[in-house]
Amino acid sequence: MNKPNVLIVEDEVLVSLDIGERLKKAGFNITAMTETGERALEHLETNKPDLVLLDICLDGKLNGIETAEQINTKYSIPIVYLTSLTDEESFRKAQKTKPSAYIQKPFNEIELIRSIELAISNHSHFSHSNDETKSSQEEVYYILNDSIFLKHRTRFEKVALSSIVYLEADGNCTYIYTASRKFFLSTTMGSILENLHIPNIIRTHRSYAVNLNMISSYEGNTLFIDTIEIPVSRSHREDVFNRFKTI
């Protein structure tokens, strides 16, 4: 069983390190420890943790609540607040972002670990229990010759299939990345790959598919598109590297 991945967003370095060590001992994997909301959002652009552990008072332009609002807009990731704030106003503001838990500092280790475990478990259960409903609500996207029309703001733009760099699954939704844009589709990645039939797009991982023509390098089980890392899972490795010719 894979270790659950947790992103820690905490501006007190010693507190962050202490939490990280406790979670590692409890069987979690720490994807990163960031001190600001801005860095957390940057991390999420290329990483998909199972949960974000988020302090409300952060250095930088964004506080924890503002960071959570942006995370909720772009991703489907459970959030657990860990804060020393006890006032009602802060709690009510945090409550509007629909966190999975709100834990006061100084925290109880068992309470923290169980809250994280429950948040990840409940989120996973909710996602799976709504599969049929979400599938029935998938949007329709039009394909013309070698292009697809993807929504950007209020307009559908024509995107050449060959310009797609990679796809990233987020539950029953998918992000499609080109060199200049990121498009959101309320359709599963499996459905997209099945219907587009793009010769050079291949699935590398349950959450990723990549345009082989865009790969700039590779190392071990990771493909690189410039600085972007695309994981290759054990179950897809043979299919991926069989597409490379050997000399």
C-alpha atoms as a PDB file:
ATOM      1  CA  MET A   1       0.000   0.000   0.000  1.00  0.00           C
ATOM      2  CA  ASN A   2       1.375   3.428  -0.957  1.00  0.00           C
ATOM      3  CA  LYS A   3       2.095   5.892   1.827  1.00  0.00           C
ATOM      4  CA  PRO A   4      -0.348   8.835   1.926  1.00  0.00           C
ATOM      5  CA  ASN A   5       1.311  12.051   0.732  1.00  0.00           C
ATOM      6  CA  VAL A   6       1.035  15.180   2.884  1.00  0.00           C
ATOM      7  CA  LEU A   7       2.061  18.760   2.085  1.00  0.00           C
ATOM      8  CA  ILE A   8       2.926  20.764   5.212  1.00  0.00           C
ATOM      9  CA  VAL A   9       2.439  24.545   5.008  1.00  0.00           C
ATOM     10  CA  GLU A  10       3.835  26.072   8.210  1.00  0.00           C
ATOM     11  CA  ASP A  11       5.946  29.217   8.631  1.00  0.00           C
ATOM     12  CA  GLU A  12       7.600  28.083  11.891  1.00  0.00           C
ATOM     13  CA  VAL A  13      10.459  25.899  10.649  1.00  0.00           C
ATOM     14  CA  LEU A  14      10.986  23.979  13.896  1.00  0.00           C
ATOM     15  CA  VAL A  15       7.276  23.217  14.184  1.00  0.00           C
ATOM     16  CA  SER A  16       7.194  22.103  10.554  1.00  0.00           C
ATOM     17  CA  LEU A  17      10.179  19.786  11.021  1.00  0.00           C
ATOM     18  CA  ASP A  18       8.671  18.320  14.187  1.00  0.00           C
ATOM     19  CA  ILE A  19       5.346  17.622  12.455  1.00  0.00           C
ATOM     20  CA  GLY A  20       7.157  16.135   9.478  1.00  0.00           C
ATOM     21  CA  GLU A  21       9.108  13.689  11.642  1.00  0.00           C
ATOM     22  CA  ARG A  22       5.998  12.628  13.550  1.00  0.00           C
ATOM     23  CA  LEU A  23       4.036  12.018  10.366  1.00  0.00           C
ATOM     24  CA  LYS A  24       6.891  10.049   8.774  1.00  0.00           C
ATOM     25  CA  LYS A  25       7.021   7.778  11.836  1.00  0.00           C
ATOM     26  CA  ALA A  26       3.266   7.310  11.507  1.00  0.00           C
ATOM     27  CA  GLY A  27       3.667   6.113   7.907  1.00  0.00           C
ATOM     28  CA  PHE A  28       3.079   9.262   5.880  1.00  0.00           C
ATOM     29  CA  ASN A  29       5.211  10.645   3.060  1.00  0.00           C
ATOM     30  CA  ILE A  30       5.957  14.392   3.144  1.00  0.00           C
ATOM     31  CA  THR A  31       5.906  15.868  -0.360  1.00  0.00           C
ATOM     32  CA  ALA A  32       7.233  19.225   0.846  1.00  0.00           C
ATOM     33  CA  MET A  33       7.372  21.649   3.781  1.00  0.00           C
ATOM     34  CA  THR A  34       6.711  25.210   2.653  1.00  0.00           C
ATOM     35  CA  GLU A  35       6.633  28.406   4.687  1.00  0.00           C
ATOM     36  CA  THR A  36       4.248  30.459   2.522  1.00  0.00           C
ATOM     37  CA  GLY A  37       0.998  29.982   0.682  1.00  0.00           C
ATOM     38  CA  GLU A  38       2.624  31.096  -2.557  1.00  0.00           C
ATOM     39  CA  ARG A  39       5.212  28.315  -2.393  1.00  0.00           C
ATOM     40  CA  ALA A  40       2.530  25.796  -1.509  1.00  0.00           C
ATOM     41  CA  LEU A  41       0.577  26.725  -4.640  1.00  0.00           C
ATOM     42  CA  GLU A  42       3.731  26.449  -6.745  1.00  0.00           C
ATOM     43  CA  HIS A  43       4.345  22.976  -5.311  1.00  0.00           C
ATOM     44  CA  LEU A  44       0.803  21.891  -6.161  1.00  0.00           C
ATOM     45  CA  GLU A  45       1.306  22.790  -9.814  1.00  0.00           C
ATOM     46  CA  THR A  46       3.569  19.747 -10.240  1.00  0.00           C
ATOM     47  CA  ASN A  47       2.667  17.555  -7.234  1.00  0.00           C
ATOM     48  CA  LYS A  48      -0.580  15.987  -6.024  1.00  0.00           C
ATOM     49  CA  PRO A  49      -0.530  15.273  -2.261  1.00  0.00           C
ATOM     50  CA  ASP A  50      -3.393  13.394  -0.625  1.00  0.00           C
ATOM     51  CA  LEU A  51      -3.799  16.153   1.961  1.00  0.00           C
ATOM     52  CA  VAL A  52      -2.606  19.662   2.799  1.00  0.00           C
ATOM     53  CA  LEU A  53      -1.798  20.421   6.451  1.00  0.00           C
ATOM     54  CA  LEU A  54      -2.139  24.178   6.599  1.00  0.00           C
ATOM     55  CA  ASP A  55      -1.377  26.821   9.235  1.00  0.00           C
ATOM     56  CA  ILE A  56      -3.642  29.884   9.089  1.00  0.00           C
ATOM     57  CA  CYS A  57      -0.997  32.461  10.016  1.00  0.00           C
ATOM     58  CA  LEU A  58       1.642  32.397   7.293  1.00  0.00           C
ATOM     59  CA  ASP A  59       4.423  34.657   6.074  1.00  0.00           C
ATOM     60  CA  GLY A  60       4.000  36.084   2.587  1.00  0.00           C
ATOM     61  CA  LYS A  61       1.076  37.712   0.782  1.00  0.00           C
ATOM     62  CA  LEU A  62      -1.408  34.880   1.358  1.00  0.00           C
ATOM     63  CA  ASN A  63      -2.575  33.667   4.743  1.00  0.00           C
ATOM     64  CA  GLY A  64      -3.713  30.080   5.233  1.00  0.00           C
ATOM     65  CA  ILE A  65      -7.385  30.776   4.546  1.00  0.00           C
ATOM     66  CA  GLU A  66      -6.614  32.621   1.294  1.00  0.00           C
ATOM     67  CA  THR A  67      -4.303  29.772   0.303  1.00  0.00           C
ATOM     68  CA  ALA A  68      -7.062  27.238   0.999  1.00  0.00           C
ATOM     69  CA  GLU A  69      -9.493  29.221  -1.169  1.00  0.00           C
ATOM     70  CA  GLN A  70      -7.100  29.006  -4.121  1.00  0.00           C
ATOM     71  CA  ILE A  71      -6.451  25.304  -3.518  1.00  0.00           C
ATOM     72  CA  ASN A  72     -10.192  24.606  -3.492  1.00  0.00           C
ATOM     73  CA  THR A  73     -10.628  26.506  -6.747  1.00  0.00           C
ATOM     74  CA  LYS A  74      -8.026  24.459  -8.630  1.00  0.00           C
ATOM     75  CA  TYR A  75      -7.839  21.085  -6.901  1.00  0.00           C
ATOM     76  CA  SER A  76      -9.800  18.462  -5.029  1.00  0.00           C
ATOM     77  CA  ILE A  77      -7.548  17.955  -2.005  1.00  0.00           C
ATOM     78  CA  PRO A  78      -8.663  17.738   1.644  1.00  0.00           C
ATOM     79  CA  ILE A  79      -7.295  20.452   3.938  1.00  0.00           C
ATOM     80  CA  VAL A  80      -6.604  20.221   7.675  1.00  0.00           C
ATOM     81  CA  TYR A  81      -5.974  23.483   9.499  1.00  0.00           C
ATOM     82  CA  LEU A  82      -3.413  23.517  12.306  1.00  0.00           C
ATOM     83  CA  THR A  83      -3.420  26.853  14.113  1.00  0.00           C
ATOM     84  CA  SER A  84      -2.822  28.664  17.378  1.00  0.00           C
ATOM     85  CA  LEU A  85      -5.747  31.041  16.691  1.00  0.00           C
ATOM     86  CA  THR A  86      -8.690  30.603  19.032  1.00  0.00           C
ATOM     87  CA  ASP A  87     -10.954  33.529  18.100  1.00  0.00           C
ATOM     88  CA  GLU A  88     -14.408  32.912  16.643  1.00  0.00           C
ATOM     89  CA  GLU A  89     -13.896  35.162  13.598  1.00  0.00           C
ATOM     90  CA  SER A  90     -10.869  33.188  12.347  1.00  0.00           C
ATOM     91  CA  PHE A  91     -12.740  29.928  12.835  1.00  0.00           C
ATOM     92  CA  ARG A  92     -15.766  31.165  10.878  1.00  0.00           C
ATOM     93  CA  LYS A  93     -13.580  32.365   8.001  1.00  0.00           C
ATOM     94  CA  ALA A  94     -11.753  29.050   7.934  1.00  0.00           C
ATOM     95  CA  GLN A  95     -15.056  27.164   8.089  1.00  0.00           C
ATOM     96  CA  LYS A  96     -16.144  28.739   4.783  1.00  0.00           C
ATOM     97  CA  THR A  97     -13.287  26.936   3.000  1.00  0.00           C
ATOM     98  CA  LYS A  98     -14.777  23.578   4.122  1.00  0.00           C
ATOM     99  CA  PRO A  99     -11.698  22.057   5.801  1.00  0.00           C
ATOM    100  CA  SER A 100     -11.663  18.411   6.839  1.00  0.00           C
ATOM    101  CA  ALA A 101     -10.502  19.367  10.341  1.00  0.00           C
ATOM    102  CA  TYR A 102      -9.510  22.391  12.437  1.00  0.00           C
ATOM    103  CA  ILE A 103      -6.866  21.522  15.050  1.00  0.00           C
ATOM    104  CA  GLN A 104      -5.624  23.868  17.754  1.00  0.00           C
ATOM    105  CA  LYS A 105      -1.963  24.220  18.751  1.00  0.00           C
ATOM    106  CA  PRO A 106      -0.398  22.846  20.814  1.00  0.00           C
ATOM    107  CA  PHE A 107      -1.737  19.735  19.140  1.00  0.00           C
ATOM    108  CA  ASN A 108      -2.151  16.212  20.414  1.00  0.00           C
ATOM    109  CA  GLU A 109      -0.154  13.859  18.173  1.00  0.00           C
ATOM    110  CA  ILE A 110      -2.768  11.095  18.143  1.00  0.00           C
ATOM    111  CA  GLU A 111      -5.536  13.602  17.391  1.00  0.00           C
ATOM    112  CA  LEU A 112      -3.494  15.070  14.520  1.00  0.00           C
ATOM    113  CA  ILE A 113      -2.679  11.705  12.940  1.00  0.00           C
ATOM    114  CA  ARG A 114      -6.232  10.397  13.254  1.00  0.00           C
ATOM    115  CA  SER A 115      -7.655  13.618  11.825  1.00  0.00           C
ATOM    116  CA  ILE A 116      -5.376  13.320   8.800  1.00  0.00           C
ATOM    117  CA  GLU A 117      -6.212   9.631   8.316  1.00  0.00           C
ATOM    118  CA  LEU A 118      -9.950  10.313   8.537  1.00  0.00           C
ATOM    119  CA  ALA A 119      -9.726  13.286   6.174  1.00  0.00           C
ATOM    120  CA  ILE A 120      -7.935  11.239   3.494  1.00  0.00           C
ATOM    121  CA  SER A 121     -10.249   8.249   3.984  1.00  0.00           C
ATOM    122  CA  ASN A 122     -13.440  10.329   3.866  1.00  0.00           C
ATOM    123  CA  HIS A 123     -12.275  12.250   0.823  1.00  0.00           C
ATOM    124  CA  SER A 124     -11.439   9.032  -1.039  1.00  0.00           C
ATOM    125  CA  HIS A 125     -14.788   7.472  -0.094  1.00  0.00           C
ATOM    126  CA  PHE A 126     -16.708  10.572  -1.191  1.00  0.00           C
ATOM    127  CA  SER A 127     -14.898  10.652  -4.551  1.00  0.00           C
ATOM    128  CA  HIS A 128     -15.611   6.978  -5.290  1.00  0.00           C
ATOM    129  CA  SER A 129     -19.237   7.117  -4.128  1.00  0.00           C
ATOM    130  CA  ASN A 130     -19.907   9.937  -6.601  1.00  0.00           C
ATOM    131  CA  ASP A 131     -18.236   8.353  -9.638  1.00  0.00           C
ATOM    132  CA  GLU A 132     -21.494   7.567 -11.428  1.00  0.00           C
ATOM    133  CA  THR A 133     -22.981  10.996 -10.727  1.00  0.00           C
ATOM    134  CA  LYS A 134     -19.881  12.819 -11.944  1.00  0.00           C
ATOM    135  CA  SER A 135     -19.610  10.634 -15.028  1.00  0.00           C
ATOM    136  CA  SER A 136     -23.164  11.509 -16.007  1.00  0.00           C
ATOM    137  CA  GLN A 137     -22.291  15.199 -15.711  1.00  0.00           C
ATOM    138  CA  GLU A 138     -19.245  15.081 -17.983  1.00  0.00           C
ATOM    139  CA  GLU A 139     -19.143  17.902 -20.483  1.00  0.00           C
ATOM    140  CA  VAL A 140     -19.079  17.386 -24.232  1.00  0.00           C
ATOM    141  CA  TYR A 141     -15.970  18.487 -26.132  1.00  0.00           C
ATOM    142  CA  TYR A 142     -15.806  18.843 -29.896  1.00  0.00           C
ATOM    143  CA  ILE A 143     -13.012  17.476 -32.064  1.00  0.00           C
ATOM    144  CA  LEU A 144     -12.335  18.816 -35.560  1.00  0.00           C
ATOM    145  CA  ASN A 145      -9.729  17.043 -37.684  1.00  0.00           C
ATOM    146  CA  ASP A 146      -6.563  17.119 -35.537  1.00  0.00           C
ATOM    147  CA  SER A 147      -7.791  19.657 -32.987  1.00  0.00           C
ATOM    148  CA  ILE A 148     -10.046  19.817 -29.949  1.00  0.00           C
ATOM    149  CA  PHE A 149     -12.030  22.800 -28.658  1.00  0.00           C
ATOM    150  CA  LEU A 150     -11.230  23.472 -24.997  1.00  0.00           C
ATOM    151  CA  LYS A 151     -12.840  26.038 -22.739  1.00  0.00           C
ATOM    152  CA  HIS A 152     -10.778  29.031 -21.625  1.00  0.00           C
ATOM    153  CA  ARG A 153     -12.824  31.432 -19.514  1.00  0.00           C
ATOM    154  CA  THR A 154     -16.074  31.872 -21.521  1.00  0.00           C
ATOM    155  CA  ARG A 155     -14.757  30.837 -24.945  1.00  0.00           C
ATOM    156  CA  PHE A 156     -13.881  27.475 -26.470  1.00  0.00           C
ATOM    157  CA  GLU A 157     -10.473  27.642 -28.130  1.00  0.00           C
ATOM    158  CA  LYS A 158      -9.164  25.383 -30.881  1.00  0.00           C
ATOM    159  CA  VAL A 159      -6.146  23.424 -29.624  1.00  0.00           C
ATOM    160  CA  ALA A 160      -4.063  21.229 -31.917  1.00  0.00           C
ATOM    161  CA  LEU A 161      -3.798  17.717 -30.500  1.00  0.00           C
ATOM    162  CA  SER A 162      -0.081  17.729 -31.331  1.00  0.00           C
ATOM    163  CA  SER A 163       0.406  20.780 -29.059  1.00  0.00           C
ATOM    164  CA  ILE A 164      -0.788  18.933 -25.949  1.00  0.00           C
ATOM    165  CA  VAL A 165       2.232  18.473 -23.666  1.00  0.00           C
ATOM    166  CA  TYR A 166       0.714  16.272 -20.959  1.00  0.00           C
ATOM    167  CA  LEU A 167      -2.475  15.417 -19.085  1.00  0.00           C
ATOM    168  CA  GLU A 168      -2.985  15.165 -15.340  1.00  0.00           C
ATOM    169  CA  ALA A 169      -5.920  13.387 -13.712  1.00  0.00           C
ATOM    170  CA  ASP A 170      -7.618  14.883 -10.669  1.00  0.00           C
ATOM    171  CA  GLY A 171     -10.261  12.409  -9.586  1.00  0.00           C
ATOM    172  CA  ASN A 172     -12.937  12.418 -12.285  1.00  0.00           C
ATOM    173  CA  CYS A 173     -11.556  15.578 -13.865  1.00  0.00           C
ATOM    174  CA  THR A 174      -8.504  16.240 -16.013  1.00  0.00           C
ATOM    175  CA  TYR A 175      -6.039  19.050 -16.638  1.00  0.00           C
ATOM    176  CA  ILE A 176      -4.639  19.363 -20.153  1.00  0.00           C
ATOM    177  CA  TYR A 177      -1.397  21.299 -20.464  1.00  0.00           C
ATOM    178  CA  THR A 178      -0.044  22.952 -23.591  1.00  0.00           C
ATOM    179  CA  ALA A 179       3.157  24.998 -23.702  1.00  0.00           C
ATOM    180  CA  SER A 180       1.234  28.179 -22.918  1.00  0.00           C
ATOM    181  CA  ARG A 181      -1.994  27.142 -21.189  1.00  0.00           C
ATOM    182  CA  LYS A 182      -3.672  24.865 -18.680  1.00  0.00           C
ATOM    183  CA  PHE A 183      -7.221  23.672 -19.443  1.00  0.00           C
ATOM    184  CA  PHE A 184      -9.655  22.042 -17.011  1.00  0.00           C
ATOM    185  CA  LEU A 185     -12.025  19.319 -18.220  1.00  0.00           C
ATOM    186  CA  SER A 186     -14.763  17.722 -16.117  1.00  0.00           C
ATOM    187  CA  THR A 187     -14.038  14.394 -17.825  1.00  0.00           C
ATOM    188  CA  THR A 188     -11.917  11.455 -16.721  1.00  0.00           C
ATOM    189  CA  MET A 189      -8.471  11.111 -18.253  1.00  0.00           C
ATOM    190  CA  GLY A 190      -9.319   7.567 -19.333  1.00  0.00           C
ATOM    191  CA  SER A 191     -12.287   8.831 -21.316  1.00  0.00           C
ATOM    192  CA  ILE A 192     -10.172  11.521 -22.980  1.00  0.00           C
ATOM    193  CA  LEU A 193      -7.421   9.097 -24.000  1.00  0.00           C
ATOM    194  CA  GLU A 194      -9.994   6.619 -25.296  1.00  0.00           C
ATOM    195  CA  ASN A 195     -11.726   9.191 -27.491  1.00  0.00           C
ATOM    196  CA  LEU A 196      -8.815  11.296 -28.754  1.00  0.00           C
ATOM    197  CA  HIS A 197      -6.583   8.481 -30.050  1.00  0.00           C
ATOM    198  CA  ILE A 198      -3.466  10.661 -30.204  1.00  0.00           C
ATOM    199  CA  PRO A 199      -0.605   8.397 -31.380  1.00  0.00           C
ATOM    200  CA  ASN A 200       2.136  10.057 -29.315  1.00  0.00           C
ATOM    201  CA  ILE A 201       0.180  10.493 -26.089  1.00  0.00           C
ATOM    202  CA  ILE A 202       0.764   7.583 -23.711  1.00  0.00           C
ATOM    203  CA  ARG A 203      -0.281   6.950 -20.151  1.00  0.00           C
ATOM    204  CA  THR A 204       2.693   6.821 -17.779  1.00  0.00           C
ATOM    205  CA  HIS A 205       0.883   6.670 -14.452  1.00  0.00           C
ATOM    206  CA  ARG A 206      -2.674   6.454 -13.160  1.00  0.00           C
ATOM    207  CA  SER A 207      -2.603  10.259 -12.916  1.00  0.00           C
ATOM    208  CA  TYR A 208      -0.463  11.212 -15.919  1.00  0.00           C
ATOM    209  CA  ALA A 209      -0.250  10.848 -19.693  1.00  0.00           C
ATOM    210  CA  VAL A 210       2.474  12.508 -21.768  1.00  0.00           C
ATOM    211  CA  ASN A 211       3.192  13.495 -25.356  1.00  0.00           C
ATOM    212  CA  LEU A 212       6.348  11.512 -26.112  1.00  0.00           C
ATOM    213  CA  ASN A 213       7.500  14.172 -28.575  1.00  0.00           C
ATOM    214  CA  MET A 214       7.707  16.685 -25.718  1.00  0.00           C
ATOM    215  CA  ILE A 215      10.078  14.671 -23.506  1.00  0.00           C
ATOM    216  CA  SER A 216      13.444  16.385 -23.061  1.00  0.00           C
ATOM    217  CA  SER A 217      15.122  13.793 -20.791  1.00  0.00           C
ATOM    218  CA  TYR A 218      14.500  10.941 -18.403  1.00  0.00           C
ATOM    219  CA  GLU A 219      16.034   9.509 -15.251  1.00  0.00           C
ATOM    220  CA  GLY A 220      14.975   6.218 -13.684  1.00  0.00           C
ATOM    221  CA  ASN A 221      11.190   6.217 -13.516  1.00  0.00           C
ATOM    222  CA  THR A 222      10.800   9.918 -14.235  1.00  0.00           C
ATOM    223  CA  LEU A 223      10.334  11.685 -17.566  1.00  0.00           C
ATOM    224  CA  PHE A 224      11.226  15.357 -17.870  1.00  0.00           C
ATOM    225  CA  ILE A 225       9.645  18.054 -20.000  1.00  0.00           C
ATOM    226  CA  ASP A 226      12.219  20.747 -19.314  1.00  0.00           C
ATOM    227  CA  THR A 227      11.784  21.124 -15.515  1.00  0.00           C
ATOM    228  CA  ILE A 228       8.415  19.359 -15.293  1.00  0.00           C
ATOM    229  CA  GLU A 229       8.602  15.855 -13.817  1.00  0.00           C
ATOM    230  CA  ILE A 230       6.257  13.140 -15.096  1.00  0.00           C
ATOM    231  CA  PRO A 231       6.296   9.898 -13.054  1.00  0.00           C
ATOM    232  CA  VAL A 232       6.317   6.500 -14.730  1.00  0.00           C
ATOM    233  CA  SER A 233       4.690   3.807 -12.598  1.00  0.00           C
ATOM    234  CA  ARG A 234       5.878   0.217 -12.560  1.00  0.00           C
ATOM    235  CA  SER A 235       2.712  -0.973 -14.315  1.00  0.00           C
ATOM    236  CA  HIS A 236       3.215   1.456 -17.237  1.00  0.00           C
ATOM    237  CA  ARG A 237       7.015   1.420 -17.523  1.00  0.00           C
ATOM    238  CA  GLU A 238       7.222  -1.338 -20.130  1.00  0.00           C
ATOM    239  CA  ASP A 239       4.575   0.268 -22.369  1.00  0.00           C
ATOM    240  CA  VAL A 240       6.289   3.645 -22.150  1.00  0.00           C
ATOM    241  CA  PHE A 241       9.840   2.555 -22.870  1.00  0.00           C
ATOM    242  CA  ASN A 242       8.786   0.120 -25.589  1.00  0.00           C
ATOM    243  CA  ARG A 243       7.852   3.237 -27.562  1.00  0.00           C
ATOM    244  CA  PHE A 244      11.520   4.258 -27.561  1.00  0.00           C
ATOM    245  CA  LYS A 245      13.645   2.709 -30.279  1.00  0.00           C
ATOM    246  CA  THR A 246      17.012   1.248 -29.261  1.00  0.00           C
ATOM    247  CA  ILE A 247      20.234   1.293 -31.272  1.00  0.00           C
END
